[in-house]
Amino acid sequence: MKHIVALSGGKDSTAMALRLQEVEPDTDFIYVCTPTGDELPEMVEHFGRLREVLAKPIVPLNIPMLRDGLA
């Protein structure tokens, strides 16, 4: 089973990702986001810091990936 955590970069999804990692450390979460391509530099920095804290990549999804499913 895949455990997918969607991140918007906002406080709620960030807090949820951090909390899930804390309470389920043995679960292999897949972190995803749907970038617009027009993110502010602060958001890019935020996702970079979050990647470091989570020690996992944050997969940017695009329309074909959503249509075809996560492989």
N, C-alpha and C. Protein backbone atom coordinates (compact mmCIF):
# COMPACT_ATOMS: atom_id res chain seq x y z
N MET A 1 0.84 -1.17 0.00
CA MET A 1 0.00 0.00 0.00
C MET A 1 0.89 1.24 0.00
N LYS A 2 0.51 2.21 -0.81
CA LYS A 2 1.24 3.48 -0.86
C LYS A 2 0.56 4.49 0.06
N HIS A 3 1.38 5.23 0.79
CA HIS A 3 0.88 6.28 1.67
C HIS A 3 1.34 7.61 1.10
N ILE A 4 0.42 8.34 0.50
CA ILE A 4 0.75 9.58 -0.20
C ILE A 4 0.29 10.76 0.64
N VAL A 5 1.21 11.71 0.84
CA VAL A 5 0.92 12.92 1.60
C VAL A 5 1.03 14.10 0.65
N ALA A 6 -0.07 14.80 0.44
CA ALA A 6 -0.08 15.96 -0.46
C ALA A 6 0.34 17.21 0.31
N LEU A 7 1.28 17.93 -0.26
CA LEU A 7 1.79 19.16 0.36
C LEU A 7 1.47 20.36 -0.52
N SER A 8 0.88 21.37 0.09
CA SER A 8 0.63 22.62 -0.63
C SER A 8 1.73 23.63 -0.33
N GLY A 9 2.44 23.38 0.76
CA GLY A 9 3.45 24.34 1.21
C GLY A 9 2.92 25.24 2.30
N GLY A 10 1.63 25.13 2.56
CA GLY A 10 1.03 25.93 3.63
C GLY A 10 1.26 25.31 5.00
N LYS A 11 0.81 26.02 6.01
CA LYS A 11 1.07 25.58 7.39
C LYS A 11 0.37 24.27 7.72
N ASP A 12 -0.82 24.06 7.22
CA ASP A 12 -1.57 22.86 7.59
C ASP A 12 -0.96 21.59 6.99
N SER A 13 -0.66 21.60 5.70
CA SER A 13 -0.09 20.40 5.09
C SER A 13 1.33 20.16 5.59
N THR A 14 2.06 21.23 5.88
CA THR A 14 3.41 21.08 6.43
C THR A 14 3.33 20.45 7.82
N ALA A 15 2.44 20.95 8.66
CA ALA A 15 2.29 20.40 10.00
C ALA A 15 1.86 18.94 9.95
N MET A 16 0.95 18.60 9.04
CA MET A 16 0.49 17.22 8.93
C MET A 16 1.62 16.30 8.49
N ALA A 17 2.42 16.71 7.53
CA ALA A 17 3.54 15.88 7.09
C ALA A 17 4.52 15.64 8.23
N LEU A 18 4.83 16.68 8.98
CA LEU A 18 5.76 16.54 10.10
C LEU A 18 5.17 15.65 11.19
N ARG A 19 3.89 15.81 11.46
CA ARG A 19 3.25 15.00 12.50
C ARG A 19 3.16 13.53 12.08
N LEU A 20 2.83 13.27 10.83
CA LEU A 20 2.78 11.89 10.35
C LEU A 20 4.13 11.22 10.48
N GLN A 21 5.18 11.93 10.14
CA GLN A 21 6.53 11.38 10.27
C GLN A 21 6.84 11.07 11.74
N GLU A 22 6.35 11.91 12.63
CA GLU A 22 6.59 11.73 14.06
C GLU A 22 5.85 10.52 14.63
N VAL A 23 4.58 10.36 14.27
CA VAL A 23 3.77 9.29 14.86
C VAL A 23 3.87 7.97 14.09
N GLU A 24 4.32 8.01 12.85
CA GLU A 24 4.46 6.80 12.02
C GLU A 24 5.86 6.75 11.39
N PRO A 25 6.91 6.68 12.21
CA PRO A 25 8.27 6.76 11.67
C PRO A 25 8.65 5.59 10.75
N ASP A 26 7.96 4.46 10.87
CA ASP A 26 8.30 3.29 10.05
C ASP A 26 7.50 3.23 8.75
N THR A 27 6.60 4.17 8.54
CA THR A 27 5.79 4.20 7.32
C THR A 27 6.55 4.94 6.23
N ASP A 28 6.56 4.34 5.04
CA ASP A 28 7.27 4.94 3.91
C ASP A 28 6.31 5.86 3.15
N PHE A 29 6.25 7.11 3.58
CA PHE A 29 5.37 8.08 2.95
C PHE A 29 5.95 8.57 1.63
N ILE A 30 5.08 8.86 0.69
CA ILE A 30 5.45 9.52 -0.56
C ILE A 30 4.87 10.93 -0.47
N TYR A 31 5.74 11.93 -0.51
CA TYR A 31 5.31 13.32 -0.41
C TYR A 31 5.18 13.89 -1.81
N VAL A 32 4.05 14.52 -2.10
CA VAL A 32 3.81 15.07 -3.43
C VAL A 32 3.34 16.52 -3.33
N CYS A 33 3.56 17.26 -4.41
CA CYS A 33 3.04 18.62 -4.52
C CYS A 33 2.65 18.85 -5.98
N THR A 34 1.90 19.88 -6.22
CA THR A 34 1.48 20.23 -7.58
C THR A 34 1.90 21.66 -7.87
N PRO A 35 3.16 21.84 -8.23
CA PRO A 35 3.66 23.20 -8.46
C PRO A 35 3.02 23.84 -9.69
N THR A 36 2.90 25.15 -9.63
CA THR A 36 2.32 25.90 -10.74
C THR A 36 3.40 26.35 -11.73
N GLY A 37 4.65 26.35 -11.26
CA GLY A 37 5.74 26.87 -12.08
C GLY A 37 5.98 28.34 -11.83
N ASP A 38 5.18 28.93 -10.96
CA ASP A 38 5.29 30.36 -10.67
C ASP A 38 5.42 30.59 -9.16
N GLU A 39 6.11 29.63 -8.48
CA GLU A 39 6.26 29.74 -7.03
C GLU A 39 7.20 30.87 -6.65
N LEU A 40 6.90 31.51 -5.55
CA LEU A 40 7.78 32.54 -5.01
C LEU A 40 9.06 31.89 -4.50
N PRO A 41 10.17 32.63 -4.49
CA PRO A 41 11.43 32.07 -3.99
C PRO A 41 11.30 31.54 -2.56
N GLU A 42 10.48 32.18 -1.74
CA GLU A 42 10.29 31.72 -0.37
C GLU A 42 9.64 30.33 -0.32
N MET A 43 8.75 30.05 -1.24
CA MET A 43 8.11 28.74 -1.28
C MET A 43 9.10 27.67 -1.73
N VAL A 44 9.94 28.01 -2.68
CA VAL A 44 10.97 27.08 -3.13
C VAL A 44 11.91 26.76 -1.96
N GLU A 45 12.29 27.78 -1.20
CA GLU A 45 13.14 27.58 -0.03
C GLU A 45 12.43 26.72 1.02
N HIS A 46 11.15 26.98 1.22
CA HIS A 46 10.37 26.21 2.21
C HIS A 46 10.37 24.73 1.84
N PHE A 47 10.09 24.41 0.58
CA PHE A 47 10.09 23.01 0.16
C PHE A 47 11.48 22.39 0.30
N GLY A 48 12.52 23.16 0.06
CA GLY A 48 13.88 22.66 0.25
C GLY A 48 14.15 22.31 1.70
N ARG A 49 13.76 23.19 2.61
CA ARG A 49 13.93 22.90 4.04
C ARG A 49 13.08 21.70 4.46
N LEU A 50 11.87 21.63 3.95
CA LEU A 50 10.99 20.52 4.30
C LEU A 50 11.55 19.19 3.81
N ARG A 51 12.13 19.18 2.61
CA ARG A 51 12.79 17.97 2.09
C ARG A 51 13.88 17.51 3.04
N GLU A 52 14.66 18.46 3.55
CA GLU A 52 15.74 18.13 4.48
C GLU A 52 15.19 17.55 5.78
N VAL A 53 14.17 18.16 6.33
CA VAL A 53 13.60 17.70 7.60
C VAL A 53 12.96 16.32 7.44
N LEU A 54 12.23 16.13 6.34
CA LEU A 54 11.57 14.85 6.11
C LEU A 54 12.55 13.77 5.65
N ALA A 55 13.70 14.20 5.14
CA ALA A 55 14.72 13.29 4.60
C ALA A 55 14.14 12.42 3.49
N LYS A 56 13.26 13.01 2.70
CA LYS A 56 12.63 12.34 1.56
C LYS A 56 12.39 13.37 0.47
N PRO A 57 12.35 12.92 -0.78
CA PRO A 57 12.02 13.87 -1.85
C PRO A 57 10.54 14.27 -1.78
N ILE A 58 10.25 15.42 -2.36
CA ILE A 58 8.87 15.85 -2.55
C ILE A 58 8.65 15.81 -4.05
N VAL A 59 7.78 14.91 -4.48
CA VAL A 59 7.58 14.64 -5.90
C VAL A 59 6.62 15.66 -6.49
N PRO A 60 7.09 16.46 -7.47
CA PRO A 60 6.16 17.38 -8.13
C PRO A 60 5.32 16.61 -9.15
N LEU A 61 4.02 16.67 -9.00
CA LEU A 61 3.12 15.96 -9.91
C LEU A 61 2.72 16.86 -11.07
N ASN A 62 2.48 16.23 -12.21
CA ASN A 62 1.96 16.94 -13.37
C ASN A 62 0.73 16.20 -13.88
N ILE A 63 0.06 16.73 -14.85
CA ILE A 63 -1.20 16.14 -15.32
C ILE A 63 -1.04 14.70 -15.81
N PRO A 64 -0.03 14.36 -16.65
CA PRO A 64 0.09 12.95 -17.05
C PRO A 64 0.28 12.01 -15.86
N MET A 65 1.03 12.43 -14.86
CA MET A 65 1.22 11.57 -13.68
C MET A 65 -0.10 11.37 -12.95
N LEU A 66 -0.89 12.41 -12.84
CA LEU A 66 -2.18 12.29 -12.17
C LEU A 66 -3.13 11.40 -12.98
N ARG A 67 -3.08 11.54 -14.29
CA ARG A 67 -3.96 10.76 -15.16
C ARG A 67 -3.56 9.29 -15.15
N ASP A 68 -2.26 9.01 -15.21
CA ASP A 68 -1.78 7.65 -15.35
C ASP A 68 -1.52 6.96 -14.01
N GLY A 69 -1.55 7.70 -12.93
CA GLY A 69 -1.30 7.14 -11.61
C GLY A 69 0.18 7.17 -11.27
N LEU A 70 0.45 7.08 -9.99
CA LEU A 70 1.84 7.05 -9.53
C LEU A 70 2.39 5.66 -9.77
N ALA A 71 3.52 5.60 -10.44
CA ALA A 71 4.13 4.29 -10.72
C ALA A 71 4.85 3.77 -9.51
